[in-house]
Amino acid sequence: MPTLVALSLALASAPVVETGSHAPPHGGLLAPTGEGHLELVVGPERIALFPLDAALRGMPARGDARLLAPDGTEIPLAPAGDHWEAANPLGTEAAFTVVALLDDAGGARASRFRFEPGHASLFHDHRPFHGGQVGMAGDRHLELALAPAASGRLEWQLYPTDAYRQPVSADGVRASLSVEAHGEQLALALAPAGDCLTASMPRTAGPWDVHARVLYPGDPAAVEMDFYFDAPAGDAPRSAVETIRVTDGGFTPSRVAARAGEPLILRFLRTSIHTCATRVVFPKLGIDRPLPLGQPVEISLVPAQGSLGFACGMGMYRGEVVGN
């Protein structure tokens, strides 16, 4: 402990080491330590520390790790597979500096990190990004949303994501819902549809008790979660909703097919700090909106026949809404 304290005091006034072009594998903050790196991942609810080798590959989380907060308070970190983690007492609204203290077979080491608002990852973030409800089982997250479908039906939309709320491929995923309302139970099989899995059912009045079961390829057991929806069917939003993720590569999807003359909500969700698309601009509509990291931004419009273009603030990434 004396060695760690001495290291942390020495680092307290030292500049944060820039890591050049290294891309943090978990979207966090990097600092060199020994022959490798440490990556600090800050989220609204959890804070985590990942040990990485020189090539930024993950390593087992061995030894004791803790963070030294600005006021001198130590935040103990518990091992969780390939990282250590704890509840985040520092929040994400203000800048702060922390020193990570690591004591393992390699000796005592310390690294300093400077966090700035807007650099939070989505680590164990339970905010709904699709207007639904979010549940967590281990490092798996599910968001279940309810939307109107064609011919007066209701559509369930299940979004599987990882610990960082990044989409998980639906390929090979087997998922089902058990929906109970007013003593009647309905079993629904979900089918892949983009970054979610969907199933429709006749429009009925709520409330609904929903049990979701999702089996991922290679997992020995299914992920199971319960959800409760109390909104009557008649209160479901009547605008179609399209979620557009803003990633390192721009807008995904970059082309949205819509029905001309029918209300549409575009829900933009920026999930990367390594992108210039921090704003979305619709030149024809005079719309220019910021895209805060991890916060859904909704834009309502009624598409006309033809193409309506949108772009990032610098015009490097582009997309379009095509009305038919």
C-alpha atoms as a PDB file:
ATOM      1  CA  MET A   1       0.000   0.000   0.000  1.00  0.00           C
ATOM      2  CA  PRO A   2       2.731   2.606   0.742  1.00  0.00           C
ATOM      3  CA  THR A   3       4.161   2.013  -2.723  1.00  0.00           C
ATOM      4  CA  LEU A   4       0.784   2.508  -4.348  1.00  0.00           C
ATOM      5  CA  VAL A   5       0.123   5.667  -2.383  1.00  0.00           C
ATOM      6  CA  ALA A   6       3.515   7.059  -3.386  1.00  0.00           C
ATOM      7  CA  LEU A   7       2.809   6.263  -7.014  1.00  0.00           C
ATOM      8  CA  SER A   8      -0.609   7.886  -6.888  1.00  0.00           C
ATOM      9  CA  LEU A   9       0.772  11.046  -5.291  1.00  0.00           C
ATOM     10  CA  ALA A  10       3.472  11.265  -7.937  1.00  0.00           C
ATOM     11  CA  LEU A  11       0.866  10.905 -10.675  1.00  0.00           C
ATOM     12  CA  ALA A  12      -1.587  13.373  -9.181  1.00  0.00           C
ATOM     13  CA  SER A  13       0.087  16.385 -10.799  1.00  0.00           C
ATOM     14  CA  ALA A  14       1.540  14.634 -13.821  1.00  0.00           C
ATOM     15  CA  PRO A  15       0.073  15.236 -17.284  1.00  0.00           C
ATOM     16  CA  VAL A  16      -2.193  12.581 -18.751  1.00  0.00           C
ATOM     17  CA  VAL A  17      -0.244  10.523 -21.269  1.00  0.00           C
ATOM     18  CA  GLU A  18      -1.687  10.707 -24.770  1.00  0.00           C
ATOM     19  CA  THR A  19      -2.124   7.343 -26.430  1.00  0.00           C
ATOM     20  CA  GLY A  20      -1.848   8.545 -30.006  1.00  0.00           C
ATOM     21  CA  SER A  21      -3.816   6.597 -32.570  1.00  0.00           C
ATOM     22  CA  HIS A  22      -4.617   3.673 -30.255  1.00  0.00           C
ATOM     23  CA  ALA A  23      -8.331   2.914 -30.375  1.00  0.00           C
ATOM     24  CA  PRO A  24      -9.664   1.904 -26.940  1.00  0.00           C
ATOM     25  CA  PRO A  25     -11.330  -1.501 -27.439  1.00  0.00           C
ATOM     26  CA  HIS A  26     -14.205  -0.621 -25.093  1.00  0.00           C
ATOM     27  CA  GLY A  27     -14.597   3.051 -26.021  1.00  0.00           C
ATOM     28  CA  GLY A  28     -12.956   4.251 -22.794  1.00  0.00           C
ATOM     29  CA  LEU A  29      -9.791   6.124 -21.839  1.00  0.00           C
ATOM     30  CA  LEU A  30      -6.331   4.586 -22.264  1.00  0.00           C
ATOM     31  CA  ALA A  31      -3.172   4.992 -20.192  1.00  0.00           C
ATOM     32  CA  PRO A  32       0.070   2.997 -20.412  1.00  0.00           C
ATOM     33  CA  THR A  33       1.133   0.868 -17.472  1.00  0.00           C
ATOM     34  CA  GLY A  34       4.222  -1.323 -17.424  1.00  0.00           C
ATOM     35  CA  GLU A  35       4.380  -3.169 -20.745  1.00  0.00           C
ATOM     36  CA  GLY A  36       0.664  -2.794 -21.421  1.00  0.00           C
ATOM     37  CA  HIS A  37      -2.247  -0.449 -20.889  1.00  0.00           C
ATOM     38  CA  LEU A  38      -5.173   0.160 -18.605  1.00  0.00           C
ATOM     39  CA  GLU A  39      -8.493   1.285 -20.018  1.00  0.00           C
ATOM     40  CA  LEU A  40     -10.951   3.203 -17.844  1.00  0.00           C
ATOM     41  CA  VAL A  41     -14.575   2.905 -18.945  1.00  0.00           C
ATOM     42  CA  VAL A  42     -16.982   5.376 -17.340  1.00  0.00           C
ATOM     43  CA  GLY A  43     -20.737   4.968 -17.567  1.00  0.00           C
ATOM     44  CA  PRO A  44     -23.681   6.627 -15.836  1.00  0.00           C
ATOM     45  CA  GLU A  45     -24.085   3.707 -13.419  1.00  0.00           C
ATOM     46  CA  ARG A  46     -20.842   1.710 -13.474  1.00  0.00           C
ATOM     47  CA  ILE A  47     -17.128   2.396 -13.781  1.00  0.00           C
ATOM     48  CA  ALA A  48     -14.701  -0.277 -14.980  1.00  0.00           C
ATOM     49  CA  LEU A  49     -10.966  -0.843 -15.435  1.00  0.00           C
ATOM     50  CA  PHE A  50      -9.659  -3.198 -18.135  1.00  0.00           C
ATOM     51  CA  PRO A  51      -6.088  -4.594 -18.206  1.00  0.00           C
ATOM     52  CA  LEU A  52      -4.708  -4.745 -21.765  1.00  0.00           C
ATOM     53  CA  ASP A  53      -1.444  -5.949 -23.248  1.00  0.00           C
ATOM     54  CA  ALA A  54       0.817  -3.906 -25.550  1.00  0.00           C
ATOM     55  CA  ALA A  55      -1.391  -4.760 -28.549  1.00  0.00           C
ATOM     56  CA  LEU A  56      -4.547  -3.705 -26.643  1.00  0.00           C
ATOM     57  CA  ARG A  57      -5.731  -7.273 -26.259  1.00  0.00           C
ATOM     58  CA  GLY A  58      -7.721  -8.139 -23.144  1.00  0.00           C
ATOM     59  CA  MET A  59      -6.041  -9.846 -20.193  1.00  0.00           C
ATOM     60  CA  PRO A  60      -7.398 -11.564 -17.059  1.00  0.00           C
ATOM     61  CA  ALA A  61      -8.153  -9.166 -14.212  1.00  0.00           C
ATOM     62  CA  ARG A  62      -5.802 -10.434 -11.505  1.00  0.00           C
ATOM     63  CA  GLY A  63      -4.686  -8.751  -8.308  1.00  0.00           C
ATOM     64  CA  ASP A  64      -6.165  -5.814  -6.410  1.00  0.00           C
ATOM     65  CA  ALA A  65      -7.387  -2.690  -8.176  1.00  0.00           C
ATOM     66  CA  ARG A  66      -8.897   0.531  -6.922  1.00  0.00           C
ATOM     67  CA  LEU A  67      -9.402   4.121  -8.008  1.00  0.00           C
ATOM     68  CA  LEU A  68      -8.297   7.189  -6.075  1.00  0.00           C
ATOM     69  CA  ALA A  69     -10.943   9.891  -6.449  1.00  0.00           C
ATOM     70  CA  PRO A  70     -10.193  13.649  -6.529  1.00  0.00           C
ATOM     71  CA  ASP A  71     -11.006  14.078  -2.832  1.00  0.00           C
ATOM     72  CA  GLY A  72      -8.711  11.201  -1.846  1.00  0.00           C
ATOM     73  CA  THR A  73     -11.496   8.652  -1.461  1.00  0.00           C
ATOM     74  CA  GLU A  74     -10.613   5.167  -2.618  1.00  0.00           C
ATOM     75  CA  ILE A  75     -13.104   3.321  -4.818  1.00  0.00           C
ATOM     76  CA  PRO A  76     -12.529  -0.459  -4.479  1.00  0.00           C
ATOM     77  CA  LEU A  77     -12.937  -2.368  -7.734  1.00  0.00           C
ATOM     78  CA  ALA A  78     -14.211  -5.951  -7.792  1.00  0.00           C
ATOM     79  CA  PRO A  79     -12.946  -8.459 -10.380  1.00  0.00           C
ATOM     80  CA  ALA A  80     -15.486  -9.336 -13.079  1.00  0.00           C
ATOM     81  CA  GLY A  81     -13.872 -11.633 -15.635  1.00  0.00           C
ATOM     82  CA  ASP A  82     -11.668  -9.541 -17.899  1.00  0.00           C
ATOM     83  CA  HIS A  83     -12.012  -6.326 -15.866  1.00  0.00           C
ATOM     84  CA  TRP A  84     -12.640  -4.782 -12.465  1.00  0.00           C
ATOM     85  CA  GLU A  85     -15.734  -2.698 -11.796  1.00  0.00           C
ATOM     86  CA  ALA A  86     -17.721  -0.768  -9.213  1.00  0.00           C
ATOM     87  CA  ALA A  87     -20.684   1.553  -8.914  1.00  0.00           C
ATOM     88  CA  ASN A  88     -19.825   4.992 -10.293  1.00  0.00           C
ATOM     89  CA  PRO A  89     -19.969   7.593  -7.466  1.00  0.00           C
ATOM     90  CA  LEU A  90     -18.453  10.341  -9.643  1.00  0.00           C
ATOM     91  CA  GLY A  91     -21.177  10.656 -12.279  1.00  0.00           C
ATOM     92  CA  THR A  92     -20.646  11.771 -15.870  1.00  0.00           C
ATOM     93  CA  GLU A  93     -21.793  15.403 -15.733  1.00  0.00           C
ATOM     94  CA  ALA A  94     -18.500  16.996 -14.635  1.00  0.00           C
ATOM     95  CA  ALA A  95     -14.831  16.486 -15.505  1.00  0.00           C
ATOM     96  CA  PHE A  96     -12.683  14.616 -13.015  1.00  0.00           C
ATOM     97  CA  THR A  97      -9.256  13.031 -12.648  1.00  0.00           C
ATOM     98  CA  VAL A  98      -8.719   9.626 -11.069  1.00  0.00           C
ATOM     99  CA  VAL A  99      -5.662   7.513 -10.412  1.00  0.00           C
ATOM    100  CA  ALA A 100      -5.999   3.774 -10.997  1.00  0.00           C
ATOM    101  CA  LEU A 101      -3.977   1.728  -8.516  1.00  0.00           C
ATOM    102  CA  LEU A 102      -3.104  -1.853  -9.455  1.00  0.00           C
ATOM    103  CA  ASP A 103      -1.211  -4.362  -7.319  1.00  0.00           C
ATOM    104  CA  ASP A 104      -0.624  -7.802  -8.839  1.00  0.00           C
ATOM    105  CA  ALA A 105       2.178 -10.283  -9.525  1.00  0.00           C
ATOM    106  CA  GLY A 106       3.895  -7.632 -11.652  1.00  0.00           C
ATOM    107  CA  GLY A 107       4.151  -5.265  -8.700  1.00  0.00           C
ATOM    108  CA  ALA A 108       2.519  -1.968  -7.827  1.00  0.00           C
ATOM    109  CA  ARG A 109       1.470   0.288 -10.708  1.00  0.00           C
ATOM    110  CA  ALA A 110      -0.586   3.404 -11.130  1.00  0.00           C
ATOM    111  CA  SER A 111      -2.082   5.288 -14.088  1.00  0.00           C
ATOM    112  CA  ARG A 112      -3.810   8.643 -14.253  1.00  0.00           C
ATOM    113  CA  PHE A 113      -6.974   9.318 -16.269  1.00  0.00           C
ATOM    114  CA  ARG A 114      -8.734  12.570 -17.095  1.00  0.00           C
ATOM    115  CA  PHE A 115     -12.458  12.170 -17.771  1.00  0.00           C
ATOM    116  CA  GLU A 116     -14.405  14.831 -19.684  1.00  0.00           C
ATOM    117  CA  PRO A 117     -18.211  14.953 -20.049  1.00  0.00           C
ATOM    118  CA  GLY A 118     -19.260  13.412 -23.338  1.00  0.00           C
ATOM    119  CA  HIS A 119     -16.648  10.657 -23.098  1.00  0.00           C
ATOM    120  CA  ALA A 120     -18.890   8.315 -21.137  1.00  0.00           C
ATOM    121  CA  SER A 121     -19.348   4.904 -22.647  1.00  0.00           C
ATOM    122  CA  LEU A 122     -22.667   3.114 -22.485  1.00  0.00           C
ATOM    123  CA  PHE A 123     -21.330   0.572 -20.004  1.00  0.00           C
ATOM    124  CA  HIS A 124     -24.315  -0.973 -18.195  1.00  0.00           C
ATOM    125  CA  ASP A 125     -26.442   2.017 -19.180  1.00  0.00           C
ATOM    126  CA  HIS A 126     -30.121   1.227 -18.573  1.00  0.00           C
ATOM    127  CA  ARG A 127     -31.686   4.130 -20.407  1.00  0.00           C
ATOM    128  CA  PRO A 128     -34.223   3.048 -23.071  1.00  0.00           C
ATOM    129  CA  PHE A 129     -32.982   3.974 -26.541  1.00  0.00           C
ATOM    130  CA  HIS A 130     -36.069   2.738 -28.400  1.00  0.00           C
ATOM    131  CA  GLY A 131     -38.837   3.969 -26.122  1.00  0.00           C
ATOM    132  CA  GLY A 132     -39.154   0.634 -24.335  1.00  0.00           C
ATOM    133  CA  GLN A 133     -37.973  -0.974 -21.095  1.00  0.00           C
ATOM    134  CA  VAL A 134     -34.459  -2.249 -20.329  1.00  0.00           C
ATOM    135  CA  GLY A 135     -33.411  -5.333 -18.390  1.00  0.00           C
ATOM    136  CA  MET A 136     -29.992  -6.832 -17.638  1.00  0.00           C
ATOM    137  CA  ALA A 137     -28.750 -10.366 -17.018  1.00  0.00           C
ATOM    138  CA  GLY A 138     -24.993 -10.572 -16.515  1.00  0.00           C
ATOM    139  CA  ASP A 139     -23.413  -8.641 -19.380  1.00  0.00           C
ATOM    140  CA  ARG A 140     -26.493  -9.038 -21.595  1.00  0.00           C
ATOM    141  CA  HIS A 141     -29.064  -6.278 -21.968  1.00  0.00           C
ATOM    142  CA  LEU A 142     -32.507  -6.464 -23.545  1.00  0.00           C
ATOM    143  CA  GLU A 143     -34.778  -3.568 -24.424  1.00  0.00           C
ATOM    144  CA  LEU A 144     -38.399  -4.455 -25.179  1.00  0.00           C
ATOM    145  CA  ALA A 145     -40.572  -1.895 -26.945  1.00  0.00           C
ATOM    146  CA  LEU A 146     -44.173  -1.937 -28.136  1.00  0.00           C
ATOM    147  CA  ALA A 147     -45.320  -0.185 -31.308  1.00  0.00           C
ATOM    148  CA  PRO A 148     -48.366  -0.201 -33.590  1.00  0.00           C
ATOM    149  CA  ALA A 149     -48.088  -2.458 -36.634  1.00  0.00           C
ATOM    150  CA  ALA A 150     -49.977  -2.812 -39.889  1.00  0.00           C
ATOM    151  CA  SER A 151     -53.634  -3.869 -40.026  1.00  0.00           C
ATOM    152  CA  GLY A 152     -54.399  -2.750 -36.486  1.00  0.00           C
ATOM    153  CA  ARG A 153     -51.930  -5.102 -34.828  1.00  0.00           C
ATOM    154  CA  LEU A 154     -49.252  -4.477 -32.209  1.00  0.00           C
ATOM    155  CA  GLU A 155     -45.576  -5.193 -32.723  1.00  0.00           C
ATOM    156  CA  TRP A 156     -43.113  -6.205 -30.018  1.00  0.00           C
ATOM    157  CA  GLN A 157     -39.521  -5.142 -30.710  1.00  0.00           C
ATOM    158  CA  LEU A 158     -36.710  -6.770 -28.739  1.00  0.00           C
ATOM    159  CA  TYR A 159     -33.248  -5.168 -28.943  1.00  0.00           C
ATOM    160  CA  PRO A 160     -30.383  -7.387 -27.680  1.00  0.00           C
ATOM    161  CA  THR A 161     -27.212  -5.518 -26.705  1.00  0.00           C
ATOM    162  CA  ASP A 162     -23.968  -6.231 -24.875  1.00  0.00           C
ATOM    163  CA  ALA A 163     -22.558  -4.691 -21.688  1.00  0.00           C
ATOM    164  CA  TYR A 164     -21.831  -1.472 -23.616  1.00  0.00           C
ATOM    165  CA  ARG A 165     -25.334  -1.304 -25.130  1.00  0.00           C
ATOM    166  CA  GLN A 166     -23.903  -2.077 -28.553  1.00  0.00           C
ATOM    167  CA  PRO A 167     -26.176  -4.157 -30.840  1.00  0.00           C
ATOM    168  CA  VAL A 168     -25.704  -7.915 -30.773  1.00  0.00           C
ATOM    169  CA  SER A 169     -26.153  -9.699 -34.096  1.00  0.00           C
ATOM    170  CA  ALA A 170     -29.476 -11.504 -34.343  1.00  0.00           C
ATOM    171  CA  ASP A 171     -27.930 -14.229 -36.503  1.00  0.00           C
ATOM    172  CA  GLY A 172     -28.559 -17.570 -34.864  1.00  0.00           C
ATOM    173  CA  VAL A 173     -30.432 -16.002 -31.929  1.00  0.00           C
ATOM    174  CA  ARG A 174     -33.582 -17.856 -30.878  1.00  0.00           C
ATOM    175  CA  ALA A 175     -36.028 -15.672 -28.972  1.00  0.00           C
ATOM    176  CA  SER A 176     -39.624 -15.857 -27.833  1.00  0.00           C
ATOM    177  CA  LEU A 177     -42.127 -13.901 -25.751  1.00  0.00           C
ATOM    178  CA  SER A 178     -44.874 -15.098 -23.455  1.00  0.00           C
ATOM    179  CA  VAL A 179     -47.478 -12.312 -23.219  1.00  0.00           C
ATOM    180  CA  GLU A 180     -50.200 -12.466 -20.570  1.00  0.00           C
ATOM    181  CA  ALA A 181     -53.143 -10.068 -20.414  1.00  0.00           C
ATOM    182  CA  HIS A 182     -56.460 -10.425 -18.557  1.00  0.00           C
ATOM    183  CA  GLY A 183     -55.827 -14.092 -17.767  1.00  0.00           C
ATOM    184  CA  GLU A 184     -55.010 -15.062 -21.353  1.00  0.00           C
ATOM    185  CA  GLN A 185     -51.529 -16.066 -22.460  1.00  0.00           C
ATOM    186  CA  LEU A 186     -50.028 -15.782 -25.924  1.00  0.00           C
ATOM    187  CA  ALA A 187     -46.753 -17.346 -27.086  1.00  0.00           C
ATOM    188  CA  LEU A 188     -44.849 -15.430 -29.762  1.00  0.00           C
ATOM    189  CA  ALA A 189     -41.734 -16.407 -31.709  1.00  0.00           C
ATOM    190  CA  LEU A 190     -39.494 -13.465 -32.582  1.00  0.00           C
ATOM    191  CA  ALA A 191     -37.867 -13.045 -35.996  1.00  0.00           C
ATOM    192  CA  PRO A 192     -34.761 -10.924 -36.824  1.00  0.00           C
ATOM    193  CA  ALA A 193     -35.463  -7.481 -38.295  1.00  0.00           C
ATOM    194  CA  GLY A 194     -32.337  -5.339 -38.532  1.00  0.00           C
ATOM    195  CA  ASP A 195     -30.843  -4.754 -35.072  1.00  0.00           C
ATOM    196  CA  CYS A 196     -33.910  -6.122 -33.277  1.00  0.00           C
ATOM    197  CA  LEU A 197     -36.214  -9.131 -33.213  1.00  0.00           C
ATOM    198  CA  THR A 198     -39.930  -8.627 -33.768  1.00  0.00           C
ATOM    199  CA  ALA A 199     -43.303 -10.347 -33.455  1.00  0.00           C
ATOM    200  CA  SER A 200     -46.807  -8.988 -33.925  1.00  0.00           C
ATOM    201  CA  MET A 201     -50.072  -9.800 -32.196  1.00  0.00           C
ATOM    202  CA  PRO A 202     -53.683  -8.622 -32.356  1.00  0.00           C
ATOM    203  CA  ARG A 203     -54.301  -5.217 -30.817  1.00  0.00           C
ATOM    204  CA  THR A 204     -55.600  -5.666 -27.275  1.00  0.00           C
ATOM    205  CA  ALA A 205     -55.889  -3.522 -24.168  1.00  0.00           C
ATOM    206  CA  GLY A 206     -53.122  -3.701 -21.574  1.00  0.00           C
ATOM    207  CA  PRO A 207     -51.642  -4.189 -19.124  1.00  0.00           C
ATOM    208  CA  TRP A 208     -49.334  -6.966 -20.327  1.00  0.00           C
ATOM    209  CA  ASP A 209     -46.958  -9.186 -18.368  1.00  0.00           C
ATOM    210  CA  VAL A 210     -44.205 -10.251 -20.750  1.00  0.00           C
ATOM    211  CA  HIS A 211     -41.579 -12.940 -20.254  1.00  0.00           C
ATOM    212  CA  ALA A 212     -38.704 -12.828 -22.760  1.00  0.00           C
ATOM    213  CA  ARG A 213     -36.451 -15.800 -23.438  1.00  0.00           C
ATOM    214  CA  VAL A 214     -33.355 -15.349 -25.620  1.00  0.00           C
ATOM    215  CA  LEU A 215     -30.818 -18.038 -26.466  1.00  0.00           C
ATOM    216  CA  TYR A 216     -27.590 -16.733 -27.995  1.00  0.00           C
ATOM    217  CA  PRO A 217     -25.427 -18.984 -30.211  1.00  0.00           C
ATOM    218  CA  GLY A 218     -22.815 -20.765 -28.107  1.00  0.00           C
ATOM    219  CA  ASP A 219     -24.435 -19.888 -24.762  1.00  0.00           C
ATOM    220  CA  PRO A 220     -25.284 -22.891 -22.557  1.00  0.00           C
ATOM    221  CA  ALA A 221     -28.444 -21.292 -21.150  1.00  0.00           C
ATOM    222  CA  ALA A 222     -31.014 -18.766 -22.311  1.00  0.00           C
ATOM    223  CA  VAL A 223     -31.281 -15.214 -20.985  1.00  0.00           C
ATOM    224  CA  GLU A 224     -34.705 -14.692 -19.429  1.00  0.00           C
ATOM    225  CA  MET A 225     -36.274 -11.405 -18.306  1.00  0.00           C
ATOM    226  CA  ASP A 226     -39.703 -10.148 -17.261  1.00  0.00           C
ATOM    227  CA  PHE A 227     -41.285  -6.875 -18.403  1.00  0.00           C
ATOM    228  CA  TYR A 228     -44.526  -5.118 -17.502  1.00  0.00           C
ATOM    229  CA  PHE A 229     -46.380  -2.726 -19.806  1.00  0.00           C
ATOM    230  CA  ASP A 230     -49.408  -0.901 -18.447  1.00  0.00           C
ATOM    231  CA  ALA A 231     -50.315   1.409 -21.362  1.00  0.00           C
ATOM    232  CA  PRO A 232     -53.599   0.584 -23.114  1.00  0.00           C
ATOM    233  CA  ALA A 233     -53.187  -0.343 -26.753  1.00  0.00           C
ATOM    234  CA  GLY A 234     -55.090   2.735 -27.847  1.00  0.00           C
ATOM    235  CA  ASP A 235     -52.421   4.921 -26.240  1.00  0.00           C
ATOM    236  CA  ALA A 236     -49.572   3.449 -28.279  1.00  0.00           C
ATOM    237  CA  PRO A 237     -47.784   6.056 -30.390  1.00  0.00           C
ATOM    238  CA  ARG A 238     -49.094   6.229 -33.949  1.00  0.00           C
ATOM    239  CA  SER A 239     -45.924   7.561 -35.565  1.00  0.00           C
ATOM    240  CA  ALA A 240     -43.560   5.011 -37.070  1.00  0.00           C
ATOM    241  CA  VAL A 241     -40.165   5.068 -35.345  1.00  0.00           C
ATOM    242  CA  GLU A 242     -36.812   4.391 -37.030  1.00  0.00           C
ATOM    243  CA  THR A 243     -33.660   4.228 -34.922  1.00  0.00           C
ATOM    244  CA  ILE A 244     -30.466   5.429 -36.603  1.00  0.00           C
ATOM    245  CA  ARG A 245     -27.218   4.660 -34.801  1.00  0.00           C
ATOM    246  CA  VAL A 246     -24.315   7.073 -35.205  1.00  0.00           C
ATOM    247  CA  THR A 247     -21.100   5.049 -35.133  1.00  0.00           C
ATOM    248  CA  ASP A 248     -17.482   5.357 -36.251  1.00  0.00           C
ATOM    249  CA  GLY A 249     -18.710   4.756 -39.811  1.00  0.00           C
ATOM    250  CA  GLY A 250     -21.525   7.319 -39.810  1.00  0.00           C
ATOM    251  CA  PHE A 251     -25.282   6.751 -39.875  1.00  0.00           C
ATOM    252  CA  THR A 252     -26.619   3.183 -39.639  1.00  0.00           C
ATOM    253  CA  PRO A 253     -28.875   2.733 -41.520  1.00  0.00           C
ATOM    254  CA  SER A 254     -28.067   5.580 -43.876  1.00  0.00           C
ATOM    255  CA  ARG A 255     -31.204   5.023 -45.971  1.00  0.00           C
ATOM    256  CA  VAL A 256     -34.661   4.945 -44.404  1.00  0.00           C
ATOM    257  CA  ALA A 257     -37.682   3.869 -46.422  1.00  0.00           C
ATOM    258  CA  ALA A 258     -40.875   5.636 -45.319  1.00  0.00           C
ATOM    259  CA  ARG A 259     -44.495   6.059 -46.355  1.00  0.00           C
ATOM    260  CA  ALA A 260     -45.085   9.452 -47.939  1.00  0.00           C
ATOM    261  CA  GLY A 261     -47.565  11.543 -45.966  1.00  0.00           C
ATOM    262  CA  GLU A 262     -47.402   9.422 -42.794  1.00  0.00           C
ATOM    263  CA  PRO A 263     -45.774  10.680 -39.545  1.00  0.00           C
ATOM    264  CA  LEU A 264     -42.273   9.380 -38.883  1.00  0.00           C
ATOM    265  CA  ILE A 265     -39.944   9.714 -35.905  1.00  0.00           C
ATOM    266  CA  LEU A 266     -36.218   9.384 -36.553  1.00  0.00           C
ATOM    267  CA  ARG A 267     -34.455   8.440 -33.334  1.00  0.00           C
ATOM    268  CA  PHE A 268     -30.711   9.202 -33.614  1.00  0.00           C
ATOM    269  CA  LEU A 269     -28.431   7.488 -31.095  1.00  0.00           C
ATOM    270  CA  ARG A 270     -24.709   8.307 -31.088  1.00  0.00           C
ATOM    271  CA  THR A 271     -22.744   5.394 -29.631  1.00  0.00           C
ATOM    272  CA  SER A 272     -19.167   6.429 -30.497  1.00  0.00           C
ATOM    273  CA  ILE A 273     -16.805   9.190 -29.404  1.00  0.00           C
ATOM    274  CA  HIS A 274     -14.623   8.471 -32.453  1.00  0.00           C
ATOM    275  CA  THR A 275     -16.858  10.197 -34.994  1.00  0.00           C
ATOM    276  CA  CYS A 276     -17.325  13.698 -36.339  1.00  0.00           C
ATOM    277  CA  ALA A 277     -21.079  13.117 -36.498  1.00  0.00           C
ATOM    278  CA  THR A 278     -21.876  14.977 -33.286  1.00  0.00           C
ATOM    279  CA  ARG A 279     -24.724  16.858 -35.008  1.00  0.00           C
ATOM    280  CA  VAL A 280     -27.383  15.973 -37.558  1.00  0.00           C
ATOM    281  CA  VAL A 281     -28.518  18.492 -40.156  1.00  0.00           C
ATOM    282  CA  PHE A 282     -31.565  18.415 -42.464  1.00  0.00           C
ATOM    283  CA  PRO A 283     -30.796  21.317 -44.870  1.00  0.00           C
ATOM    284  CA  LYS A 284     -34.228  21.336 -46.551  1.00  0.00           C
ATOM    285  CA  LEU A 285     -36.033  21.488 -43.204  1.00  0.00           C
ATOM    286  CA  GLY A 286     -33.674  23.923 -41.482  1.00  0.00           C
ATOM    287  CA  ILE A 287     -33.020  21.367 -38.707  1.00  0.00           C
ATOM    288  CA  ASP A 288     -29.640  21.309 -36.943  1.00  0.00           C
ATOM    289  CA  ARG A 289     -29.563  19.214 -33.772  1.00  0.00           C
ATOM    290  CA  PRO A 290     -26.675  18.148 -31.495  1.00  0.00           C
ATOM    291  CA  LEU A 291     -26.212  14.410 -30.902  1.00  0.00           C
ATOM    292  CA  PRO A 292     -24.974  13.916 -27.319  1.00  0.00           C
ATOM    293  CA  LEU A 293     -23.215  10.620 -26.682  1.00  0.00           C
ATOM    294  CA  GLY A 294     -25.626   7.882 -25.606  1.00  0.00           C
ATOM    295  CA  GLN A 295     -28.708  10.140 -25.558  1.00  0.00           C
ATOM    296  CA  PRO A 296     -31.510   9.455 -28.060  1.00  0.00           C
ATOM    297  CA  VAL A 297     -32.468  12.498 -30.136  1.00  0.00           C
ATOM    298  CA  GLU A 298     -35.851  12.327 -31.859  1.00  0.00           C
ATOM    299  CA  ILE A 299     -36.823  14.292 -34.952  1.00  0.00           C
ATOM    300  CA  SER A 300     -40.450  14.180 -36.094  1.00  0.00           C
ATOM    301  CA  LEU A 301     -41.361  14.734 -39.718  1.00  0.00           C
ATOM    302  CA  VAL A 302     -43.873  13.790 -42.410  1.00  0.00           C
ATOM    303  CA  PRO A 303     -41.923  12.532 -45.429  1.00  0.00           C
ATOM    304  CA  ALA A 304     -42.983  13.678 -48.866  1.00  0.00           C
ATOM    305  CA  GLN A 305     -42.578  11.665 -52.048  1.00  0.00           C
ATOM    306  CA  GLY A 306     -38.897  11.392 -52.973  1.00  0.00           C
ATOM    307  CA  SER A 307     -35.619  11.772 -51.088  1.00  0.00           C
ATOM    308  CA  LEU A 308     -34.937  13.938 -48.034  1.00  0.00           C
ATOM    309  CA  GLY A 309     -31.243  14.179 -47.206  1.00  0.00           C
ATOM    310  CA  PHE A 310     -29.524  14.574 -43.852  1.00  0.00           C
ATOM    311  CA  ALA A 311     -25.853  14.783 -42.864  1.00  0.00           C
ATOM    312  CA  CYS A 312     -23.442  15.307 -40.007  1.00  0.00           C
ATOM    313  CA  GLY A 313     -22.439  18.874 -39.195  1.00  0.00           C
ATOM    314  CA  MET A 314     -19.300  18.639 -41.374  1.00  0.00           C
ATOM    315  CA  GLY A 315     -21.093  16.979 -44.285  1.00  0.00           C
ATOM    316  CA  MET A 316     -18.784  13.941 -44.253  1.00  0.00           C
ATOM    317  CA  TYR A 317     -21.485  11.405 -43.377  1.00  0.00           C
ATOM    318  CA  ARG A 318     -24.811  11.478 -45.211  1.00  0.00           C
ATOM    319  CA  GLY A 319     -28.138   9.710 -45.221  1.00  0.00           C
ATOM    320  CA  GLU A 320     -31.606   9.998 -46.712  1.00  0.00           C
ATOM    321  CA  VAL A 321     -35.260   9.352 -45.991  1.00  0.00           C
ATOM    322  CA  VAL A 322     -37.010   8.031 -49.082  1.00  0.00           C
ATOM    323  CA  GLY A 323     -40.773   8.506 -49.196  1.00  0.00           C
ATOM    324  CA  ASN A 324     -42.845   6.168 -51.342  1.00  0.00           C
END
